[in-house]
Amino acid sequence: MDLKTSTEKTLKNGYSDNDQPGYQVKDDAAIAAEAKSSAELPEESDDDAVEDEPSEKKVSLAEALNCAETLLDFLEQEADSNFSDILTLHKLRTSIKLKHCKNTKQRLLPDFFKKTS
């Protein structure tokens, strides 16, 4: 018996997916029906958790900028940090800074003096 015949026989008889537990042969209609039924099931546990929570706290741009800078400092200290992650975080920090600059109002000179009544 040569190697080729032995391999063919093993592949033909020994390694069939039909022998695996849970293996099923389904046609397209059965797969579509299964996908449709799973998509129609409501996810009650996730919806209930969201409704019970109080309204989300809005994060200010200053807080977001502080968090981005802290995370950037952390990644720069780590020896195994990914360079692309650091660059992405730099872009994110720059974007937050630009939004912060657009939203800030330039103060006028009289704003710096106390008004006496």
PDB file of N, CA and C in Angstrom:
ATOM      1  N   MET A   1       0.857  -1.165   0.000  1.00  0.00           N
ATOM      2  CA  MET A   1       0.000   0.000   0.000  1.00  0.00           C
ATOM      3  C   MET A   1       0.906   1.231   0.000  1.00  0.00           C
ATOM      4  N   ASP A   2       0.713   2.087  -0.971  1.00  0.00           N
ATOM      5  CA  ASP A   2       1.565   3.265  -1.047  1.00  0.00           C
ATOM      6  C   ASP A   2       0.936   4.432  -0.282  1.00  0.00           C
ATOM      7  N   LEU A   3       1.700   5.485  -0.135  1.00  0.00           N
ATOM      8  CA  LEU A   3       1.282   6.643   0.664  1.00  0.00           C
ATOM      9  C   LEU A   3       0.084   7.348   0.048  1.00  0.00           C
ATOM     10  N   LYS A   4       0.056   7.447  -1.282  1.00  0.00           N
ATOM     11  CA  LYS A   4      -1.031   8.143  -1.960  1.00  0.00           C
ATOM     12  C   LYS A   4      -2.367   7.439  -1.714  1.00  0.00           C
ATOM     13  N   THR A   5      -2.388   6.130  -1.828  1.00  0.00           N
ATOM     14  CA  THR A   5      -3.615   5.372  -1.616  1.00  0.00           C
ATOM     15  C   THR A   5      -4.064   5.471  -0.167  1.00  0.00           C
ATOM     16  N   SER A   6      -3.123   5.408   0.748  1.00  0.00           N
ATOM     17  CA  SER A   6      -3.445   5.504   2.166  1.00  0.00           C
ATOM     18  C   SER A   6      -4.026   6.873   2.504  1.00  0.00           C
ATOM     19  N   THR A   7      -3.439   7.922   1.962  1.00  0.00           N
ATOM     20  CA  THR A   7      -3.914   9.278   2.216  1.00  0.00           C
ATOM     21  C   THR A   7      -5.301   9.484   1.636  1.00  0.00           C
ATOM     22  N   GLU A   8      -5.515   9.009   0.420  1.00  0.00           N
ATOM     23  CA  GLU A   8      -6.832   9.148  -0.198  1.00  0.00           C
ATOM     24  C   GLU A   8      -7.898   8.418   0.603  1.00  0.00           C
ATOM     25  N   LYS A   9      -7.563   7.225   1.080  1.00  0.00           N
ATOM     26  CA  LYS A   9      -8.517   6.431   1.854  1.00  0.00           C
ATOM     27  C   LYS A   9      -8.828   7.129   3.181  1.00  0.00           C
ATOM     28  N   THR A  10      -7.805   7.700   3.825  1.00  0.00           N
ATOM     29  CA  THR A  10      -8.003   8.393   5.095  1.00  0.00           C
ATOM     30  C   THR A  10      -8.870   9.630   4.899  1.00  0.00           C
ATOM     31  N   LEU A  11      -8.579  10.377   3.841  1.00  0.00           N
ATOM     32  CA  LEU A  11      -9.369  11.572   3.573  1.00  0.00           C
ATOM     33  C   LEU A  11     -10.806  11.220   3.224  1.00  0.00           C
ATOM     34  N   LYS A  12     -10.976  10.135   2.488  1.00  0.00           N
ATOM     35  CA  LYS A  12     -12.315   9.738   2.070  1.00  0.00           C
ATOM     36  C   LYS A  12     -13.136   9.224   3.246  1.00  0.00           C
ATOM     37  N   ASN A  13     -12.542   8.422   4.101  1.00  0.00           N
ATOM     38  CA  ASN A  13     -13.293   7.761   5.162  1.00  0.00           C
ATOM     39  C   ASN A  13     -13.127   8.389   6.543  1.00  0.00           C
ATOM     40  N   GLY A  14     -11.951   8.923   6.829  1.00  0.00           N
ATOM     41  CA  GLY A  14     -11.645   9.305   8.196  1.00  0.00           C
ATOM     42  C   GLY A  14     -11.942  10.730   8.576  1.00  0.00           C
ATOM     43  N   TYR A  15     -11.883  11.668   7.670  1.00  0.00           N
ATOM     44  CA  TYR A  15     -12.012  13.079   8.025  1.00  0.00           C
ATOM     45  C   TYR A  15     -13.223  13.690   7.341  1.00  0.00           C
ATOM     46  N   SER A  16     -14.353  13.383   7.816  1.00  0.00           N
ATOM     47  CA  SER A  16     -15.581  13.917   7.254  1.00  0.00           C
ATOM     48  C   SER A  16     -16.243  14.818   8.287  1.00  0.00           C
ATOM     49  N   ASP A  17     -16.748  15.951   7.833  1.00  0.00           N
ATOM     50  CA  ASP A  17     -17.458  16.856   8.738  1.00  0.00           C
ATOM     51  C   ASP A  17     -18.756  16.242   9.237  1.00  0.00           C
ATOM     52  N   ASN A  18     -19.275  15.297   8.496  1.00  0.00           N
ATOM     53  CA  ASN A  18     -20.534  14.662   8.896  1.00  0.00           C
ATOM     54  C   ASN A  18     -20.398  13.942  10.223  1.00  0.00           C
ATOM     55  N   ASP A  19     -19.184  13.536  10.581  1.00  0.00           N
ATOM     56  CA  ASP A  19     -18.966  12.816  11.828  1.00  0.00           C
ATOM     57  C   ASP A  19     -18.895  13.747  13.039  1.00  0.00           C
ATOM     58  N   GLN A  20     -18.737  15.033  12.806  1.00  0.00           N
ATOM     59  CA  GLN A  20     -18.575  15.986  13.901  1.00  0.00           C
ATOM     60  C   GLN A  20     -19.923  16.253  14.569  1.00  0.00           C
ATOM     61  N   PRO A  21     -19.941  16.357  15.901  1.00  0.00           N
ATOM     62  CA  PRO A  21     -21.203  16.670  16.582  1.00  0.00           C
ATOM     63  C   PRO A  21     -21.635  18.099  16.243  1.00  0.00           C
ATOM     64  N   GLY A  22     -22.900  18.268  15.985  1.00  0.00           N
ATOM     65  CA  GLY A  22     -23.422  19.589  15.672  1.00  0.00           C
ATOM     66  C   GLY A  22     -23.350  19.957  14.213  1.00  0.00           C
ATOM     67  N   TYR A  23     -22.785  19.107  13.373  1.00  0.00           N
ATOM     68  CA  TYR A  23     -22.672  19.404  11.949  1.00  0.00           C
ATOM     69  C   TYR A  23     -24.021  19.207  11.291  1.00  0.00           C
ATOM     70  N   GLN A  24     -24.442  20.186  10.508  1.00  0.00           N
ATOM     71  CA  GLN A  24     -25.719  20.099   9.810  1.00  0.00           C
ATOM     72  C   GLN A  24     -25.544  20.591   8.388  1.00  0.00           C
ATOM     73  N   VAL A  25     -26.247  19.977   7.477  1.00  0.00           N
ATOM     74  CA  VAL A  25     -26.273  20.437   6.099  1.00  0.00           C
ATOM     75  C   VAL A  25     -27.582  21.192   5.921  1.00  0.00           C
ATOM     76  N   LYS A  26     -27.474  22.490   5.617  1.00  0.00           N
ATOM     77  CA  LYS A  26     -28.671  23.316   5.468  1.00  0.00           C
ATOM     78  C   LYS A  26     -28.685  23.923   4.076  1.00  0.00           C
ATOM     79  N   ASP A  27     -29.895  24.083   3.546  1.00  0.00           N
ATOM     80  CA  ASP A  27     -30.009  24.770   2.268  1.00  0.00           C
ATOM     81  C   ASP A  27     -30.173  26.271   2.530  1.00  0.00           C
ATOM     82  N   ASP A  28     -30.190  27.055   1.465  1.00  0.00           N
ATOM     83  CA  ASP A  28     -30.251  28.509   1.600  1.00  0.00           C
ATOM     84  C   ASP A  28     -31.517  28.980   2.314  1.00  0.00           C
ATOM     85  N   ALA A  29     -32.631  28.328   2.056  1.00  0.00           N
ATOM     86  CA  ALA A  29     -33.892  28.739   2.672  1.00  0.00           C
ATOM     87  C   ALA A  29     -33.856  28.539   4.188  1.00  0.00           C
ATOM     88  N   ALA A  30     -33.261  27.440   4.637  1.00  0.00           N
ATOM     89  CA  ALA A  30     -33.174  27.175   6.074  1.00  0.00           C
ATOM     90  C   ALA A  30     -32.258  28.182   6.763  1.00  0.00           C
ATOM     91  N   ILE A  31     -31.158  28.521   6.113  1.00  0.00           N
ATOM     92  CA  ILE A  31     -30.225  29.505   6.681  1.00  0.00           C
ATOM     93  C   ILE A  31     -30.902  30.873   6.765  1.00  0.00           C
ATOM     94  N   ALA A  32     -31.630  31.261   5.701  1.00  0.00           N
ATOM     95  CA  ALA A  32     -32.316  32.556   5.690  1.00  0.00           C
ATOM     96  C   ALA A  32     -33.396  32.611   6.762  1.00  0.00           C
ATOM     97  N   ALA A  33     -34.148  31.522   6.926  1.00  0.00           N
ATOM     98  CA  ALA A  33     -35.200  31.490   7.946  1.00  0.00           C
ATOM     99  C   ALA A  33     -34.610  31.589   9.343  1.00  0.00           C
ATOM    100  N   GLU A  34     -33.494  30.914   9.576  1.00  0.00           N
ATOM    101  CA  GLU A  34     -32.842  30.965  10.885  1.00  0.00           C
ATOM    102  C   GLU A  34     -32.313  32.361  11.183  1.00  0.00           C
ATOM    103  N   ALA A  35     -31.712  33.007  10.185  1.00  0.00           N
ATOM    104  CA  ALA A  35     -31.193  34.358  10.372  1.00  0.00           C
ATOM    105  C   ALA A  35     -32.328  35.345  10.622  1.00  0.00           C
ATOM    106  N   LYS A  36     -33.442  35.167   9.905  1.00  0.00           N
ATOM    107  CA  LYS A  36     -34.579  36.067  10.073  1.00  0.00           C
ATOM    108  C   LYS A  36     -35.200  35.920  11.457  1.00  0.00           C
ATOM    109  N   SER A  37     -35.321  34.691  11.932  1.00  0.00           N
ATOM    110  CA  SER A  37     -35.925  34.481  13.250  1.00  0.00           C
ATOM    111  C   SER A  37     -35.027  35.006  14.367  1.00  0.00           C
ATOM    112  N   SER A  38     -33.716  34.891  14.208  1.00  0.00           N
ATOM    113  CA  SER A  38     -32.823  35.410  15.244  1.00  0.00           C
ATOM    114  C   SER A  38     -32.775  36.928  15.218  1.00  0.00           C
ATOM    115  N   ALA A  39     -32.982  37.540  14.047  1.00  0.00           N
ATOM    116  CA  ALA A  39     -32.980  38.999  13.955  1.00  0.00           C
ATOM    117  C   ALA A  39     -34.252  39.595  14.533  1.00  0.00           C
ATOM    118  N   GLU A  40     -35.348  38.846  14.522  1.00  0.00           N
ATOM    119  CA  GLU A  40     -36.617  39.357  15.016  1.00  0.00           C
ATOM    120  C   GLU A  40     -36.752  39.279  16.529  1.00  0.00           C
ATOM    121  N   LEU A  41     -35.906  38.527  17.196  1.00  0.00           N
ATOM    122  CA  LEU A  41     -35.999  38.390  18.647  1.00  0.00           C
ATOM    123  C   LEU A  41     -35.620  39.704  19.315  1.00  0.00           C
ATOM    124  N   PRO A  42     -36.474  40.235  20.188  1.00  0.00           N
ATOM    125  CA  PRO A  42     -36.121  41.473  20.881  1.00  0.00           C
ATOM    126  C   PRO A  42     -35.076  41.199  21.954  1.00  0.00           C
ATOM    127  N   GLU A  43     -34.165  42.129  22.091  1.00  0.00           N
ATOM    128  CA  GLU A  43     -33.130  42.007  23.114  1.00  0.00           C
ATOM    129  C   GLU A  43     -33.604  42.755  24.350  1.00  0.00           C
ATOM    130  N   GLU A  44     -34.391  42.089  25.162  1.00  0.00           N
ATOM    131  CA  GLU A  44     -35.022  42.730  26.309  1.00  0.00           C
ATOM    132  C   GLU A  44     -34.021  43.127  27.381  1.00  0.00           C
ATOM    133  N   SER A  45     -33.000  42.330  27.587  1.00  0.00           N
ATOM    134  CA  SER A  45     -32.061  42.615  28.668  1.00  0.00           C
ATOM    135  C   SER A  45     -31.294  43.905  28.413  1.00  0.00           C
ATOM    136  N   ASP A  46     -30.886  44.167  27.162  1.00  0.00           N
ATOM    137  CA  ASP A  46     -30.148  45.385  26.865  1.00  0.00           C
ATOM    138  C   ASP A  46     -31.054  46.611  26.920  1.00  0.00           C
ATOM    139  N   ASP A  47     -32.280  46.490  26.404  1.00  0.00           N
ATOM    140  CA  ASP A  47     -33.190  47.626  26.393  1.00  0.00           C
ATOM    141  C   ASP A  47     -33.600  48.030  27.802  1.00  0.00           C
ATOM    142  N   ASP A  48     -33.854  47.060  28.663  1.00  0.00           N
ATOM    143  CA  ASP A  48     -34.259  47.363  30.029  1.00  0.00           C
ATOM    144  C   ASP A  48     -33.144  48.060  30.796  1.00  0.00           C
ATOM    145  N   ALA A  49     -31.925  47.647  30.571  1.00  0.00           N
ATOM    146  CA  ALA A  49     -30.800  48.249  31.279  1.00  0.00           C
ATOM    147  C   ALA A  49     -30.626  49.701  30.870  1.00  0.00           C
ATOM    148  N   VAL A  50     -30.843  50.014  29.604  1.00  0.00           N
ATOM    149  CA  VAL A  50     -30.689  51.383  29.126  1.00  0.00           C
ATOM    150  C   VAL A  50     -31.802  52.266  29.675  1.00  0.00           C
ATOM    151  N   GLU A  51     -33.025  51.753  29.749  1.00  0.00           N
ATOM    152  CA  GLU A  51     -34.143  52.551  30.223  1.00  0.00           C
ATOM    153  C   GLU A  51     -34.047  52.841  31.714  1.00  0.00           C
ATOM    154  N   ASP A  52     -33.484  51.924  32.493  1.00  0.00           N
ATOM    155  CA  ASP A  52     -33.400  52.110  33.934  1.00  0.00           C
ATOM    156  C   ASP A  52     -32.313  53.100  34.337  1.00  0.00           C
ATOM    157  N   GLU A  53     -31.299  53.283  33.486  1.00  0.00           N
ATOM    158  CA  GLU A  53     -30.199  54.180  33.825  1.00  0.00           C
ATOM    159  C   GLU A  53     -30.654  55.628  33.693  1.00  0.00           C
ATOM    160  N   PRO A  54     -30.130  56.505  34.545  1.00  0.00           N
ATOM    161  CA  PRO A  54     -30.446  57.921  34.381  1.00  0.00           C
ATOM    162  C   PRO A  54     -29.782  58.450  33.112  1.00  0.00           C
ATOM    163  N   SER A  55     -30.189  59.634  32.700  1.00  0.00           N
ATOM    164  CA  SER A  55     -29.628  60.197  31.479  1.00  0.00           C
ATOM    165  C   SER A  55     -28.109  60.303  31.604  1.00  0.00           C
ATOM    166  N   GLU A  56     -27.452  60.069  30.475  1.00  0.00           N
ATOM    167  CA  GLU A  56     -25.992  60.043  30.488  1.00  0.00           C
ATOM    168  C   GLU A  56     -25.431  61.434  30.754  1.00  0.00           C
ATOM    169  N   LYS A  57     -24.337  61.466  31.483  1.00  0.00           N
ATOM    170  CA  LYS A  57     -23.658  62.714  31.793  1.00  0.00           C
ATOM    171  C   LYS A  57     -22.877  63.148  30.560  1.00  0.00           C
ATOM    172  N   LYS A  58     -23.029  64.389  30.160  1.00  0.00           N
ATOM    173  CA  LYS A  58     -22.319  64.903  29.003  1.00  0.00           C
ATOM    174  C   LYS A  58     -20.903  65.283  29.426  1.00  0.00           C
ATOM    175  N   VAL A  59     -19.936  64.780  28.692  1.00  0.00           N
ATOM    176  CA  VAL A  59     -18.531  65.031  28.996  1.00  0.00           C
ATOM    177  C   VAL A  59     -18.111  66.320  28.301  1.00  0.00           C
ATOM    178  N   SER A  60     -17.466  67.200  29.044  1.00  0.00           N
ATOM    179  CA  SER A  60     -17.029  68.466  28.463  1.00  0.00           C
ATOM    180  C   SER A  60     -15.774  68.252  27.624  1.00  0.00           C
ATOM    181  N   LEU A  61     -15.494  69.224  26.771  1.00  0.00           N
ATOM    182  CA  LEU A  61     -14.302  69.130  25.930  1.00  0.00           C
ATOM    183  C   LEU A  61     -13.030  69.186  26.765  1.00  0.00           C
ATOM    184  N   ALA A  62     -13.059  69.946  27.849  1.00  0.00           N
ATOM    185  CA  ALA A  62     -11.883  70.024  28.713  1.00  0.00           C
ATOM    186  C   ALA A  62     -11.595  68.671  29.358  1.00  0.00           C
ATOM    187  N   GLU A  63     -12.654  67.972  29.796  1.00  0.00           N
ATOM    188  CA  GLU A  63     -12.469  66.640  30.381  1.00  0.00           C
ATOM    189  C   GLU A  63     -11.961  65.651  29.337  1.00  0.00           C
ATOM    190  N   ALA A  64     -12.518  65.726  28.123  1.00  0.00           N
ATOM    191  CA  ALA A  64     -12.089  64.828  27.053  1.00  0.00           C
ATOM    192  C   ALA A  64     -10.630  65.079  26.694  1.00  0.00           C
ATOM    193  N   LEU A  65     -10.238  66.342  26.654  1.00  0.00           N
ATOM    194  CA  LEU A  65      -8.851  66.685  26.346  1.00  0.00           C
ATOM    195  C   LEU A  65      -7.920  66.183  27.439  1.00  0.00           C
ATOM    196  N   ASN A  66      -8.321  66.327  28.688  1.00  0.00           N
ATOM    197  CA  ASN A  66      -7.520  65.845  29.812  1.00  0.00           C
ATOM    198  C   ASN A  66      -7.347  64.327  29.738  1.00  0.00           C
ATOM    199  N   CYS A  67      -8.430  63.617  29.433  1.00  0.00           N
ATOM    200  CA  CYS A  67      -8.351  62.152  29.326  1.00  0.00           C
ATOM    201  C   CYS A  67      -7.454  61.724  28.172  1.00  0.00           C
ATOM    202  N   ALA A  68      -7.570  62.405  27.043  1.00  0.00           N
ATOM    203  CA  ALA A  68      -6.743  62.057  25.885  1.00  0.00           C
ATOM    204  C   ALA A  68      -5.265  62.287  26.188  1.00  0.00           C
ATOM    205  N   GLU A  69      -4.955  63.381  26.872  1.00  0.00           N
ATOM    206  CA  GLU A  69      -3.562  63.660  27.212  1.00  0.00           C
ATOM    207  C   GLU A  69      -3.024  62.656  28.226  1.00  0.00           C
ATOM    208  N   THR A  70      -3.853  62.259  29.180  1.00  0.00           N
ATOM    209  CA  THR A  70      -3.439  61.256  30.163  1.00  0.00           C
ATOM    210  C   THR A  70      -3.166  59.921  29.488  1.00  0.00           C
ATOM    211  N   LEU A  71      -4.053  59.522  28.599  1.00  0.00           N
ATOM    212  CA  LEU A  71      -3.870  58.266  27.877  1.00  0.00           C
ATOM    213  C   LEU A  71      -2.643  58.324  26.976  1.00  0.00           C
ATOM    214  N   LEU A  72      -2.404  59.465  26.363  1.00  0.00           N
ATOM    215  CA  LEU A  72      -1.224  59.629  25.521  1.00  0.00           C
ATOM    216  C   LEU A  72       0.052  59.525  26.349  1.00  0.00           C
ATOM    217  N   ASP A  73       0.064  60.137  27.519  1.00  0.00           N
ATOM    218  CA  ASP A  73       1.224  60.018  28.413  1.00  0.00           C
ATOM    219  C   ASP A  73       1.464  58.566  28.801  1.00  0.00           C
ATOM    220  N   PHE A  74       0.390  57.841  29.095  1.00  0.00           N
ATOM    221  CA  PHE A  74       0.508  56.432  29.463  1.00  0.00           C
ATOM    222  C   PHE A  74       1.099  55.611  28.321  1.00  0.00           C
ATOM    223  N   LEU A  75       0.578  55.805  27.112  1.00  0.00           N
ATOM    224  CA  LEU A  75       1.063  55.015  25.977  1.00  0.00           C
ATOM    225  C   LEU A  75       2.515  55.330  25.641  1.00  0.00           C
ATOM    226  N   GLU A  76       2.914  56.579  25.818  1.00  0.00           N
ATOM    227  CA  GLU A  76       4.296  56.942  25.525  1.00  0.00           C
ATOM    228  C   GLU A  76       5.259  56.356  26.550  1.00  0.00           C
ATOM    229  N   GLN A  77       4.798  56.078  27.766  1.00  0.00           N
ATOM    230  CA  GLN A  77       5.645  55.474  28.796  1.00  0.00           C
ATOM    231  C   GLN A  77       5.817  53.980  28.585  1.00  0.00           C
ATOM    232  N   GLU A  78       4.824  53.327  27.990  1.00  0.00           N
ATOM    233  CA  GLU A  78       4.862  51.879  27.814  1.00  0.00           C
ATOM    234  C   GLU A  78       5.851  51.505  26.716  1.00  0.00           C
ATOM    235  N   ALA A  79       6.634  50.476  26.971  1.00  0.00           N
ATOM    236  CA  ALA A  79       7.625  50.034  25.997  1.00  0.00           C
ATOM    237  C   ALA A  79       6.981  49.287  24.835  1.00  0.00           C
ATOM    238  N   ASP A  80       5.895  48.583  25.093  1.00  0.00           N
ATOM    239  CA  ASP A  80       5.283  47.768  24.053  1.00  0.00           C
ATOM    240  C   ASP A  80       4.087  48.442  23.384  1.00  0.00           C
ATOM    241  N   SER A  81       3.973  49.768  23.508  1.00  0.00           N
ATOM    242  CA  SER A  81       2.834  50.453  22.898  1.00  0.00           C
ATOM    243  C   SER A  81       3.013  50.526  21.385  1.00  0.00           C
ATOM    244  N   ASN A  82       1.895  50.504  20.696  1.00  0.00           N
ATOM    245  CA  ASN A  82       1.877  50.494  19.245  1.00  0.00           C
ATOM    246  C   ASN A  82       1.981  51.932  18.732  1.00  0.00           C
ATOM    247  N   PHE A  83       2.865  52.166  17.766  1.00  0.00           N
ATOM    248  CA  PHE A  83       3.087  53.508  17.243  1.00  0.00           C
ATOM    249  C   PHE A  83       1.838  54.046  16.548  1.00  0.00           C
ATOM    250  N   SER A  84       1.109  53.184  15.864  1.00  0.00           N
ATOM    251  CA  SER A  84      -0.104  53.647  15.180  1.00  0.00           C
ATOM    252  C   SER A  84      -1.166  54.087  16.187  1.00  0.00           C
ATOM    253  N   ASP A  85      -1.218  53.434  17.351  1.00  0.00           N
ATOM    254  CA  ASP A  85      -2.152  53.853  18.396  1.00  0.00           C
ATOM    255  C   ASP A  85      -1.787  55.236  18.925  1.00  0.00           C
ATOM    256  N   ILE A  86      -0.501  55.482  19.080  1.00  0.00           N
ATOM    257  CA  ILE A  86      -0.050  56.792  19.557  1.00  0.00           C
ATOM    258  C   ILE A  86      -0.391  57.873  18.540  1.00  0.00           C
ATOM    259  N   LEU A  87      -0.170  57.583  17.249  1.00  0.00           N
ATOM    260  CA  LEU A  87      -0.504  58.566  16.213  1.00  0.00           C
ATOM    261  C   LEU A  87      -2.008  58.832  16.161  1.00  0.00           C
ATOM    262  N   THR A  88      -2.787  57.786  16.300  1.00  0.00           N
ATOM    263  CA  THR A  88      -4.240  57.950  16.305  1.00  0.00           C
ATOM    264  C   THR A  88      -4.676  58.802  17.485  1.00  0.00           C
ATOM    265  N   LEU A  89      -4.071  58.578  18.629  1.00  0.00           N
ATOM    266  CA  LEU A  89      -4.409  59.364  19.812  1.00  0.00           C
ATOM    267  C   LEU A  89      -3.974  60.821  19.652  1.00  0.00           C
ATOM    268  N   HIS A  90      -2.842  61.053  18.983  1.00  0.00           N
ATOM    269  CA  HIS A  90      -2.419  62.432  18.697  1.00  0.00           C
ATOM    270  C   HIS A  90      -3.464  63.132  17.824  1.00  0.00           C
ATOM    271  N   LYS A  91      -3.964  62.427  16.801  1.00  0.00           N
ATOM    272  CA  LYS A  91      -4.991  63.008  15.930  1.00  0.00           C
ATOM    273  C   LYS A  91      -6.263  63.307  16.713  1.00  0.00           C
ATOM    274  N   LEU A  92      -6.640  62.398  17.583  1.00  0.00           N
ATOM    275  CA  LEU A  92      -7.834  62.589  18.399  1.00  0.00           C
ATOM    276  C   LEU A  92      -7.671  63.790  19.324  1.00  0.00           C
ATOM    277  N   ARG A  93      -6.506  63.902  19.942  1.00  0.00           N
ATOM    278  CA  ARG A  93      -6.251  65.033  20.838  1.00  0.00           C
ATOM    279  C   ARG A  93      -6.287  66.352  20.068  1.00  0.00           C
ATOM    280  N   THR A  94      -5.710  66.363  18.861  1.00  0.00           N
ATOM    281  CA  THR A  94      -5.729  67.562  18.033  1.00  0.00           C
ATOM    282  C   THR A  94      -7.155  67.936  17.648  1.00  0.00           C
ATOM    283  N   SER A  95      -7.956  66.942  17.325  1.00  0.00           N
ATOM    284  CA  SER A  95      -9.356  67.188  16.979  1.00  0.00           C
ATOM    285  C   SER A  95     -10.119  67.781  18.159  1.00  0.00           C
ATOM    286  N   ILE A  96      -9.879  67.255  19.347  1.00  0.00           N
ATOM    287  CA  ILE A  96     -10.549  67.783  20.546  1.00  0.00           C
ATOM    288  C   ILE A  96     -10.097  69.211  20.815  1.00  0.00           C
ATOM    289  N   LYS A  97      -8.798  69.484  20.634  1.00  0.00           N
ATOM    290  CA  LYS A  97      -8.291  70.842  20.845  1.00  0.00           C
ATOM    291  C   LYS A  97      -8.930  71.824  19.871  1.00  0.00           C
ATOM    292  N   LEU A  98      -9.078  71.408  18.600  1.00  0.00           N
ATOM    293  CA  LEU A  98      -9.693  72.290  17.610  1.00  0.00           C
ATOM    294  C   LEU A  98     -11.151  72.581  17.956  1.00  0.00           C
ATOM    295  N   LYS A  99     -11.880  71.576  18.398  1.00  0.00           N
ATOM    296  CA  LYS A  99     -13.270  71.792  18.808  1.00  0.00           C
ATOM    297  C   LYS A  99     -13.328  72.729  20.006  1.00  0.00           C
ATOM    298  N   HIS A 100     -12.390  72.561  20.925  1.00  0.00           N
ATOM    299  CA  HIS A 100     -12.353  73.409  22.115  1.00  0.00           C
ATOM    300  C   HIS A 100     -12.062  74.857  21.724  1.00  0.00           C
ATOM    301  N   CYS A 101     -11.134  75.053  20.796  1.00  0.00           N
ATOM    302  CA  CYS A 101     -10.794  76.410  20.357  1.00  0.00           C
ATOM    303  C   CYS A 101     -11.960  77.072  19.628  1.00  0.00           C
ATOM    304  N   LYS A 102     -12.710  76.291  18.849  1.00  0.00           N
ATOM    305  CA  LYS A 102     -13.856  76.851  18.129  1.00  0.00           C
ATOM    306  C   LYS A 102     -14.970  77.258  19.084  1.00  0.00           C
ATOM    307  N   ASN A 103     -15.100  76.553  20.192  1.00  0.00           N
ATOM    308  CA  ASN A 103     -16.185  76.829  21.131  1.00  0.00           C
ATOM    309  C   ASN A 103     -15.850  77.902  22.155  1.00  0.00           C
ATOM    310  N   THR A 104     -14.584  78.221  22.318  1.00  0.00           N
ATOM    311  CA  THR A 104     -14.234  79.236  23.311  1.00  0.00           C
ATOM    312  C   THR A 104     -14.444  80.628  22.730  1.00  0.00           C
ATOM    313  N   LYS A 105     -14.859  81.528  23.581  1.00  0.00           N
ATOM    314  CA  LYS A 105     -15.123  82.897  23.180  1.00  0.00           C
ATOM    315  C   LYS A 105     -13.978  83.768  23.679  1.00  0.00           C
ATOM    316  N   GLN A 106     -13.525  84.655  22.807  1.00  0.00           N
ATOM    317  CA  GLN A 106     -12.436  85.540  23.205  1.00  0.00           C
ATOM    318  C   GLN A 106     -12.953  86.534  24.236  1.00  0.00           C
ATOM    319  N   ARG A 107     -12.199  86.666  25.294  1.00  0.00           N
ATOM    320  CA  ARG A 107     -12.608  87.569  26.372  1.00  0.00           C
ATOM    321  C   ARG A 107     -12.212  88.996  26.022  1.00  0.00           C
ATOM    322  N   LEU A 108     -13.006  89.915  26.486  1.00  0.00           N
ATOM    323  CA  LEU A 108     -12.745  91.330  26.255  1.00  0.00           C
ATOM    324  C   LEU A 108     -11.952  91.906  27.425  1.00  0.00           C
ATOM    325  N   LEU A 109     -11.290  92.994  27.193  1.00  0.00           N
ATOM    326  CA  LEU A 109     -10.464  93.622  28.219  1.00  0.00           C
ATOM    327  C   LEU A 109     -11.267  94.005  29.465  1.00  0.00           C
ATOM    328  N   PRO A 110     -12.463  94.555  29.345  1.00  0.00           N
ATOM    329  CA  PRO A 110     -13.235  94.886  30.559  1.00  0.00           C
ATOM    330  C   PRO A 110     -13.607  93.663  31.397  1.00  0.00           C
ATOM    331  N   ASP A 111     -13.590  92.474  30.808  1.00  0.00           N
ATOM    332  CA  ASP A 111     -13.911  91.260  31.567  1.00  0.00           C
ATOM    333  C   ASP A 111     -12.883  90.982  32.663  1.00  0.00           C
ATOM    334  N   PHE A 112     -11.685  91.519  32.523  1.00  0.00           N
ATOM    335  CA  PHE A 112     -10.624  91.248  33.485  1.00  0.00           C
ATOM    336  C   PHE A 112     -10.651  92.190  34.687  1.00  0.00           C
ATOM    337  N   PHE A 113     -11.445  93.212  34.627  1.00  0.00           N
ATOM    338  CA  PHE A 113     -11.522  94.174  35.725  1.00  0.00           C
ATOM    339  C   PHE A 113     -12.814  93.972  36.497  1.00  0.00           C
ATOM    340  N   LYS A 114     -12.716  94.153  37.809  1.00  0.00           N
ATOM    341  CA  LYS A 114     -13.898  94.027  38.654  1.00  0.00           C
ATOM    342  C   LYS A 114     -14.759  95.268  38.494  1.00  0.00           C
ATOM    343  N   LYS A 115     -16.034  95.017  38.428  1.00  0.00           N
ATOM    344  CA  LYS A 115     -16.968  96.142  38.350  1.00  0.00           C
ATOM    345  C   LYS A 115     -17.305  96.572  39.774  1.00  0.00           C
ATOM    346  N   THR A 116     -17.159  97.840  40.034  1.00  0.00           N
ATOM    347  CA  THR A 116     -17.500  98.362  41.361  1.00  0.00           C
ATOM    348  C   THR A 116     -18.858  99.038  41.286  1.00  0.00           C
ATOM    349  N   SER A 117     -19.676  98.781  42.248  1.00  0.00           N
ATOM    350  CA  SER A 117     -21.015  99.364  42.233  1.00  0.00           C
ATOM    351  C   SER A 117     -21.158 100.411  43.285  1.00  0.00           C
TER     352      SER A 117
END
